[in-house]
C-alpha atoms as a PDB file:
ATOM      1  CA  PRO A   1     -60.801  37.992   4.661  1.00  0.00           C
ATOM      2  CA  ILE A   2     -63.149  40.919   3.873  1.00  0.00           C
ATOM      3  CA  GLY A   3     -65.984  38.611   2.830  1.00  0.00           C
ATOM      4  CA  GLU A   4     -65.278  36.291   5.743  1.00  0.00           C
ATOM      5  CA  LEU A   5     -65.548  39.184   8.186  1.00  0.00           C
ATOM      6  CA  GLN A   6     -68.726  40.479   6.580  1.00  0.00           C
ATOM      7  CA  THR A   7     -70.531  37.132   6.618  1.00  0.00           C
ATOM      8  CA  MET A   8     -69.416  36.109  10.093  1.00  0.00           C
ATOM      9  CA  ASN A   9     -72.232  34.721  12.190  1.00  0.00           C
ATOM     10  CA  LEU A  10     -72.245  33.460  15.761  1.00  0.00           C
ATOM     11  CA  VAL A  11     -71.345  29.891  14.753  1.00  0.00           C
ATOM     12  CA  SER A  12     -68.389  30.908  12.572  1.00  0.00           C
ATOM     13  CA  PHE A  13     -67.239  33.367  15.257  1.00  0.00           C
ATOM     14  CA  ARG A  14     -67.180  30.613  17.870  1.00  0.00           C
ATOM     15  CA  ARG A  15     -65.200  28.353  15.564  1.00  0.00           C
ATOM     16  CA  LEU A  16     -62.333  30.850  15.523  1.00  0.00           C
ATOM     17  CA  GLY A  17     -61.003  29.773  18.912  1.00  0.00           C
ATOM     18  CA  ARG A  18     -61.632  28.315  22.334  1.00  0.00           C
ATOM     19  CA  SER A  19     -61.908  31.580  24.239  1.00  0.00           C
ATOM     20  CA  ALA A  20     -63.635  34.831  23.439  1.00  0.00           C
ATOM     21  CA  GLN A  21     -60.307  36.644  23.629  1.00  0.00           C
ATOM     22  CA  GLU A  22     -58.711  34.224  21.168  1.00  0.00           C
ATOM     23  CA  ARG A  23     -61.596  34.750  18.724  1.00  0.00           C
ATOM     24  CA  ALA A  24     -61.315  38.532  18.949  1.00  0.00           C
ATOM     25  CA  GLU A  25     -57.559  38.311  18.385  1.00  0.00           C
ATOM     26  CA  LYS A  26     -58.116  36.274  15.230  1.00  0.00           C
ATOM     27  CA  ILE A  27     -60.461  38.927  13.878  1.00  0.00           C
ATOM     28  CA  LEU A  28     -57.858  41.585  14.650  1.00  0.00           C
ATOM     29  CA  ASP A  29     -55.244  39.437  12.895  1.00  0.00           C
ATOM     30  CA  LYS A  30     -57.452  39.270   9.785  1.00  0.00           C
ATOM     31  CA  ILE A  31     -57.827  43.049   9.774  1.00  0.00           C
ATOM     32  CA  ASN A  32     -54.103  43.565  10.311  1.00  0.00           C
ATOM     33  CA  LEU A  33     -53.375  41.165   7.450  1.00  0.00           C
ATOM     34  CA  LEU A  34     -55.539  43.332   5.192  1.00  0.00           C
ATOM     35  CA  GLU A  35     -53.610  46.404   6.332  1.00  0.00           C
ATOM     36  CA  GLN A  36     -50.416  44.846   4.963  1.00  0.00           C
ATOM     37  CA  ASP A  37     -51.965  45.084   1.489  1.00  0.00           C
ATOM     38  CA  SER A  38     -53.308  48.614   1.889  1.00  0.00           C
ATOM     39  CA  PHE A  39     -55.081  50.989   4.224  1.00  0.00           C
ATOM     40  CA  THR A  40     -58.097  50.787   1.922  1.00  0.00           C
ATOM     41  CA  LYS A  41     -58.332  47.028   2.379  1.00  0.00           C
ATOM     42  CA  LYS A  42     -58.048  47.459   6.139  1.00  0.00           C
ATOM     43  CA  ALA A  43     -60.918  49.958   6.020  1.00  0.00           C
ATOM     44  CA  GLN A  44     -62.956  47.503   3.929  1.00  0.00           C
ATOM     45  CA  GLY A  45     -62.206  44.765   6.461  1.00  0.00           C
ATOM     46  CA  ILE A  46     -63.341  46.944   9.351  1.00  0.00           C
ATOM     47  CA  GLN A  47     -66.504  47.843   7.440  1.00  0.00           C
ATOM     48  CA  GLY A  48     -67.072  44.161   6.696  1.00  0.00           C
ATOM     49  CA  TRP A  49     -66.760  43.369  10.406  1.00  0.00           C
ATOM     50  CA  ARG A  50     -69.231  46.135  11.213  1.00  0.00           C
ATOM     51  CA  ASN A  51     -71.706  44.606   8.764  1.00  0.00           C
ATOM     52  CA  SER A  52     -71.425  41.145  10.325  1.00  0.00           C
ATOM     53  CA  GLU A  53     -74.169  39.425  12.276  1.00  0.00           C
ATOM     54  CA  VAL A  54     -71.879  39.164  15.322  1.00  0.00           C
ATOM     55  CA  TYR A  55     -71.146  42.895  15.395  1.00  0.00           C
ATOM     56  CA  LYS A  56     -74.823  43.743  14.957  1.00  0.00           C
ATOM     57  CA  LEU A  57     -75.710  41.418  17.838  1.00  0.00           C
ATOM     58  CA  TYR A  58     -73.069  43.161  19.957  1.00  0.00           C
ATOM     59  CA  LEU A  59     -74.641  46.539  19.140  1.00  0.00           C
ATOM     60  CA  ARG A  60     -78.153  45.239  19.852  1.00  0.00           C
ATOM     61  CA  LEU A  61     -77.114  43.925  23.267  1.00  0.00           C
ATOM     62  CA  GLY A  62     -75.497  47.257  24.144  1.00  0.00           C
ATOM     63  CA  SER A  63     -78.505  49.203  22.921  1.00  0.00           C
ATOM     64  CA  ASP A  64     -80.963  47.013  24.816  1.00  0.00           C
ATOM     65  CA  SER A  65     -78.838  47.398  27.932  1.00  0.00           C
ATOM     66  CA  MET A  66     -79.011  51.180  27.706  1.00  0.00           C
ATOM     67  CA  THR A  67     -82.688  51.465  26.766  1.00  0.00           C
ATOM     68  CA  GLN A  68     -83.816  48.987  29.423  1.00  0.00           C
ATOM     69  CA  GLY A  69     -81.441  50.245  32.096  1.00  0.00           C
ATOM     70  CA  LYS A  70     -80.049  46.762  32.713  1.00  0.00           C
ATOM     71  CA  GLN A  71     -76.543  45.352  32.795  1.00  0.00           C
ATOM     72  CA  VAL A  72     -75.424  43.584  29.607  1.00  0.00           C
ATOM     73  CA  GLY A  73     -75.289  40.305  31.550  1.00  0.00           C
ATOM     74  CA  GLU A  74     -78.969  40.652  32.409  1.00  0.00           C
ATOM     75  CA  ILE A  75     -79.846  41.343  28.768  1.00  0.00           C
ATOM     76  CA  ILE A  76     -77.848  38.271  27.715  1.00  0.00           C
ATOM     77  CA  ASN A  77     -79.757  36.169  30.266  1.00  0.00           C
ATOM     78  CA  ASP A  78     -83.043  37.563  28.937  1.00  0.00           C
ATOM     79  CA  TYR A  79     -82.029  36.593  25.380  1.00  0.00           C
ATOM     80  CA  GLN A  80     -81.117  33.079  26.538  1.00  0.00           C
ATOM     81  CA  VAL A  81     -84.453  32.636  28.328  1.00  0.00           C
ATOM     82  CA  GLN A  82     -86.245  33.764  25.160  1.00  0.00           C
ATOM     83  CA  GLY A  83     -84.208  31.292  23.090  1.00  0.00           C
ATOM     84  CA  LYS A  84     -82.528  34.039  21.063  1.00  0.00           C
ATOM     85  CA  ASP A  85     -78.994  33.768  19.716  1.00  0.00           C
ATOM     86  CA  THR A  86     -76.719  35.799  21.936  1.00  0.00           C
ATOM     87  CA  LEU A  87     -73.142  36.451  22.834  1.00  0.00           C
ATOM     88  CA  ASP A  88     -71.975  35.504  26.291  1.00  0.00           C
ATOM     89  CA  VAL A  89     -70.533  38.119  28.644  1.00  0.00           C
ATOM     90  CA  ASP A  90     -66.924  37.215  27.805  1.00  0.00           C
ATOM     91  CA  GLU A  91     -67.640  37.482  24.069  1.00  0.00           C
ATOM     92  CA  PHE A  92     -69.324  40.861  24.540  1.00  0.00           C
ATOM     93  CA  SER A  93     -66.329  42.123  26.500  1.00  0.00           C
ATOM     94  CA  ALA A  94     -63.790  40.747  23.988  1.00  0.00           C
ATOM     95  CA  ILE A  95     -65.657  42.379  21.087  1.00  0.00           C
ATOM     96  CA  SER A  96     -65.769  45.646  23.006  1.00  0.00           C
ATOM     97  CA  ASP A  97     -61.987  45.502  23.444  1.00  0.00           C
ATOM     98  CA  LEU A  98     -61.544  44.555  19.779  1.00  0.00           C
ATOM     99  CA  ASN A  99     -63.616  47.499  18.605  1.00  0.00           C
ATOM    100  CA  ARG A 100     -61.406  49.909  20.552  1.00  0.00           C
ATOM    101  CA  GLN A 101     -58.366  48.520  18.712  1.00  0.00           C
ATOM    102  CA  ILE A 102     -59.726  48.712  15.149  1.00  0.00           C
ATOM    103  CA  ARG A 103     -60.731  52.311  14.780  1.00  0.00           C
ATOM    104  CA  PHE A 104     -59.720  54.024  11.544  1.00  0.00           C
END
């Protein structure tokens, strides 16, 4: 699961489930599964998630929202117009909730 979390891209993220919430729950499940082995593996899983393309896109959207003074939804629309890969608003929100649950 550590490698899977680390190499997760937008396509593999969307294959995890039908809804954004379901996808986020599956990531949390993977991290919790690692915790059953050891706290160290859980920490490695969280770090893997934080190195993933999906997490970096989440951070970029949040950063662009703050620096441009726009709502995340507007930034997502801008990305879509430019033809860039982007999360949708539900995915952004689900990842935000997930990140609050997986702190060390």
